[in-house]
Amino acid sequence: MLTINLALLLAVIVFLRLRRRTEARSRRDEQLSVVIAITLGLLLASTDLGQGILDVLSQLAEGVSRAGQ
């Protein structure tokens, strides 16, 4: 039986949608892209990969805020 990882499928969809030219997009098309990207983010946030990315980004933000002081 073939299983499909939903996060991977949404990542491919986001990648393909972002490659298109932006001038030809309607407002509804842009809204759909945002919904898909948010859904992908929520799916990744609950995984170990998502938690690792969150840790790296928080460390990076912490380092930048320390450098600005």
C-alpha atoms as a PDB file:
ATOM      1  CA  MET A   1       0.000   0.000   0.000  1.00  0.00           C
ATOM      2  CA  LEU A   2       1.314   3.435  -0.960  1.00  0.00           C
ATOM      3  CA  THR A   3       1.162   6.151   1.690  1.00  0.00           C
ATOM      4  CA  ILE A   4       1.540   9.845   1.003  1.00  0.00           C
ATOM      5  CA  ASN A   5       2.995  12.241   3.520  1.00  0.00           C
ATOM      6  CA  LEU A   6       0.594  15.178   3.522  1.00  0.00           C
ATOM      7  CA  ALA A   7       3.267  17.677   4.561  1.00  0.00           C
ATOM      8  CA  LEU A   8       5.476  16.615   1.659  1.00  0.00           C
ATOM      9  CA  LEU A   9       2.574  16.852  -0.770  1.00  0.00           C
ATOM     10  CA  LEU A  10       1.708  20.358   0.442  1.00  0.00           C
ATOM     11  CA  ALA A  11       5.370  21.403   0.220  1.00  0.00           C
ATOM     12  CA  VAL A  12       5.432  20.347  -3.433  1.00  0.00           C
ATOM     13  CA  ILE A  13       2.179  22.210  -4.094  1.00  0.00           C
ATOM     14  CA  VAL A  14       3.520  25.379  -2.433  1.00  0.00           C
ATOM     15  CA  PHE A  15       6.756  25.135  -4.424  1.00  0.00           C
ATOM     16  CA  LEU A  16       4.897  24.743  -7.715  1.00  0.00           C
ATOM     17  CA  ARG A  17       2.472  27.568  -6.939  1.00  0.00           C
ATOM     18  CA  LEU A  18       5.264  29.968  -5.961  1.00  0.00           C
ATOM     19  CA  ARG A  19       7.128  29.325  -9.215  1.00  0.00           C
ATOM     20  CA  ARG A  20       4.281  30.832 -11.227  1.00  0.00           C
ATOM     21  CA  ARG A  21       4.309  34.466 -12.283  1.00  0.00           C
ATOM     22  CA  THR A  22       2.708  36.741  -9.727  1.00  0.00           C
ATOM     23  CA  GLU A  23       1.091  39.122 -12.229  1.00  0.00           C
ATOM     24  CA  ALA A  24      -1.397  36.501 -13.384  1.00  0.00           C
ATOM     25  CA  ARG A  25      -2.733  35.679  -9.912  1.00  0.00           C
ATOM     26  CA  SER A  26      -6.193  36.619  -8.763  1.00  0.00           C
ATOM     27  CA  ARG A  27      -7.019  37.526  -5.194  1.00  0.00           C
ATOM     28  CA  ARG A  28      -8.659  34.124  -4.650  1.00  0.00           C
ATOM     29  CA  ASP A  29      -5.572  32.374  -6.006  1.00  0.00           C
ATOM     30  CA  GLU A  30      -3.350  34.291  -3.586  1.00  0.00           C
ATOM     31  CA  GLN A  31      -5.662  33.465  -0.690  1.00  0.00           C
ATOM     32  CA  LEU A  32      -5.526  29.778  -1.592  1.00  0.00           C
ATOM     33  CA  SER A  33      -1.715  29.923  -1.626  1.00  0.00           C
ATOM     34  CA  VAL A  34      -1.720  31.478   1.849  1.00  0.00           C
ATOM     35  CA  VAL A  35      -4.104  28.841   3.216  1.00  0.00           C
ATOM     36  CA  ILE A  36      -1.978  26.036   1.778  1.00  0.00           C
ATOM     37  CA  ALA A  37       1.218  27.568   3.211  1.00  0.00           C
ATOM     38  CA  ILE A  38      -0.354  27.994   6.666  1.00  0.00           C
ATOM     39  CA  THR A  39      -1.625  24.416   6.611  1.00  0.00           C
ATOM     40  CA  LEU A  40       1.861  23.220   5.675  1.00  0.00           C
ATOM     41  CA  GLY A  41       3.311  25.218   8.558  1.00  0.00           C
ATOM     42  CA  LEU A  42       0.848  23.713  11.007  1.00  0.00           C
ATOM     43  CA  LEU A  43       1.613  20.198   9.804  1.00  0.00           C
ATOM     44  CA  LEU A  44       5.355  20.745  10.110  1.00  0.00           C
ATOM     45  CA  ALA A  45       5.111  22.437  13.512  1.00  0.00           C
ATOM     46  CA  SER A  46       3.976  19.242  15.207  1.00  0.00           C
ATOM     47  CA  THR A  47       6.848  17.131  13.862  1.00  0.00           C
ATOM     48  CA  ASP A  48      10.415  16.782  15.114  1.00  0.00           C
ATOM     49  CA  LEU A  49      11.611  18.610  12.006  1.00  0.00           C
ATOM     50  CA  GLY A  50       9.283  21.516  12.770  1.00  0.00           C
ATOM     51  CA  GLN A  51      10.471  21.689  16.359  1.00  0.00           C
ATOM     52  CA  GLY A  52      14.098  21.665  15.182  1.00  0.00           C
ATOM     53  CA  ILE A  53      13.426  24.496  12.738  1.00  0.00           C
ATOM     54  CA  LEU A  54      11.707  26.456  15.516  1.00  0.00           C
ATOM     55  CA  ASP A  55      14.712  25.959  17.810  1.00  0.00           C
ATOM     56  CA  VAL A  56      17.164  27.099  15.123  1.00  0.00           C
ATOM     57  CA  LEU A  57      15.087  30.173  14.261  1.00  0.00           C
ATOM     58  CA  SER A  58      14.648  31.139  17.906  1.00  0.00           C
ATOM     59  CA  GLN A  59      18.411  30.828  18.491  1.00  0.00           C
ATOM     60  CA  LEU A  60      19.050  32.943  15.406  1.00  0.00           C
ATOM     61  CA  ALA A  61      16.588  35.617  16.548  1.00  0.00           C
ATOM     62  CA  GLU A  62      18.137  35.575  20.008  1.00  0.00           C
ATOM     63  CA  GLY A  63      21.617  36.059  18.525  1.00  0.00           C
ATOM     64  CA  VAL A  64      20.458  38.947  16.348  1.00  0.00           C
ATOM     65  CA  SER A  65      18.771  40.680  19.280  1.00  0.00           C
ATOM     66  CA  ARG A  66      21.934  40.266  21.389  1.00  0.00           C
ATOM     67  CA  ALA A  67      24.071  41.701  18.587  1.00  0.00           C
ATOM     68  CA  GLY A  68      21.827  44.771  18.392  1.00  0.00           C
ATOM     69  CA  GLN A  69      22.315  45.658  22.066  1.00  0.00           C
END
